[in-house]
Structures are given as structure tokens and as C-alpha cells.
Amino acid sequence: MSEQNFLQQLYFKNRKSFTHFPDKDLAENFVDDLFNLLFTSYVGKYETEEGLSKQYFEIKSTFSAILFELHKEEERVNLQTEVFFAALPSIYEALMLDAQAVLQFDPAALSIEEVLVAYPGFRAIAIYRFAHQLHLQGISLLPRLLGEYAHSKTGIDIHPAATIGHSFFIDHGTGIVIGETAWIGNDVKLYQGVTLGALNVSKEHAAVKRHPTIQDGVIIYSGATILGGSTIIGRKSIIGGNVWLTYSVPDHSIVYHKSEIKVRDNNPLPEALNFVI
């Protein structure tokens, strides 16, 4: 096959395969603009209410353009756009509860403004809540695209299909993984490096619950790994750092990994050390 024929075949194949593929850059710009509109506005940024309204409708128009690339049906695009933007007030309220949880429990957080603009955990949660709404609306590809964008920016990987309650607190956050069928209740706190994953990654189990259930008020410290669709962490339990869990624990449990550390001082050794290699 000549190089020209190869390029022609590739061109027609791509045109056929990717007719319903969203514009990646446009999607990333959309979610950044939406986040900034909701959480980083300040006095004077919009000189008039009309200016704020104009920005809102520009973002709405961008969203419609992205959906049109996916569906090519104007009526469906208009309906999905209206449903998403009608859900924004409740998403905003949920996110403000998340931000308040950070401010309440992180001694390093000095103001709600600091949480909104400087905490990667909050940004990851915000993009997750946008993407989750899209997932609930049955929109394909775009939720995953937004989730992976948040992952690339924050190091936090939350699948859009996961279910997460209110007042969710991620501290530090880097390395957190929350799988597709994970269910997280209210007032849950996660620290860096936590994995809520699956025991079995076989494709034949794609339609079953593969990821754990974390009930209300649970705290999971850094490096903990909790696996399995039948694994339930009971209410107000504390899971210590570096714990590996594949079974359920009851309410109010404290689970920790016991490590032994021996410290030797600099005094002369009473006897010779024997090394075995």
C-alpha cells in the first residue's frame, strides 16, 4: 500500500469512526469557564448584572456546541443543555457544602475563598459533580473526558459514575482513585493515596458493583486501599494509613496497620553483629 493510499484510508476511517467525538479543548475550556463563573468571581469582575448574564449564556452556548458534536440532533442538544443548566443551582449548593467541610476540618484553611481557588481536592470534586450530572443524563464520552481532565490537573481520579454524598472532603488528594461503582455517603473524608477499587477487573464483571461502599462519617487516611463491591465500611469508622481492606467492617470501627520500628542509639554494641547474605 502506498503512503497516499494509506492516508486516504485513514482519513475516511476517522471520518466514519469519530463523527460523535467531542472537542477535547472546547470541553476543557467549558469546565474551566464554568468553575470560574461559579467560584472565582469577585466584586468588579462583572461590571453589571448583564455582563454576568452574558458570560453565563456564552458558557451555555459552548456546552451546546460540544453536545452537538456528540449527537448532531438540535432538539436533543437543546433538551440536554436545559436539563444540565437547570441542575446547576443544586450542584452549586452541594459544592458549597463540600467547601464548608474543608474549611471546618482543615486547620490550614483560613477562608472559604482559599478553599475555592487553591484546593485541588475541591476542584476535583467540582468537576466530578459536573461530570456526574452529565452521566445521569446519559451523555456519553463527555463525562469521562472531564473526569480525566480533572485527573491530569489534580492527580485525583474520580469516575463520573461514582455516587458521592454531601460535605465530601479531600485533603491533599494526590493519588486518590475512586472507581465507577463506588458509593460514598455524607461527611466522608479522604486523604492522599486512597484507593476505592475493584477486586476483579475482568470485563465480564463490568455490569456488577465492583467498588466498595463507604457509609456516612467515615475517615480514610493516606495510602489506604479498600477493594470489592461487597466491602462496606460502616458509619463513622476510621481507616488508618496504608491499610489494605477486602472485607466489611461494622459501624464505629477503627482499623489500622500495626508496624514495628526499632531504634538503636549510638552507644557501642555489646556484642558483634552477624550478617547473613
Foldseek 3Di string as FASTA:
>chain_A
DDPVVVVVVVVVVCVVPQQQPFDLVLLVVLLVLVLCLLAVDDPPPQPDPVSSVVSVVVSLVSQLVRNCSHPVDNVVSVVLSVQLVVCVVVLSVLLLLQLVLCCVPPPVDDDSSCSSPPFLVSSLVSLLSSLLSCVVVVRPPSSVSSQVVSCVVQLAHERSQEAEEGNEEEDSHHQEHHDNQEYEYYQEYEYYNEYFEFPDPDPVCVPDQGTEYEYAQEYEYHNEYETGRAEYEEYNEYEEHNHYYDHYDYHPHYHYDDDDDDDDDPDDDPDDDDDDD
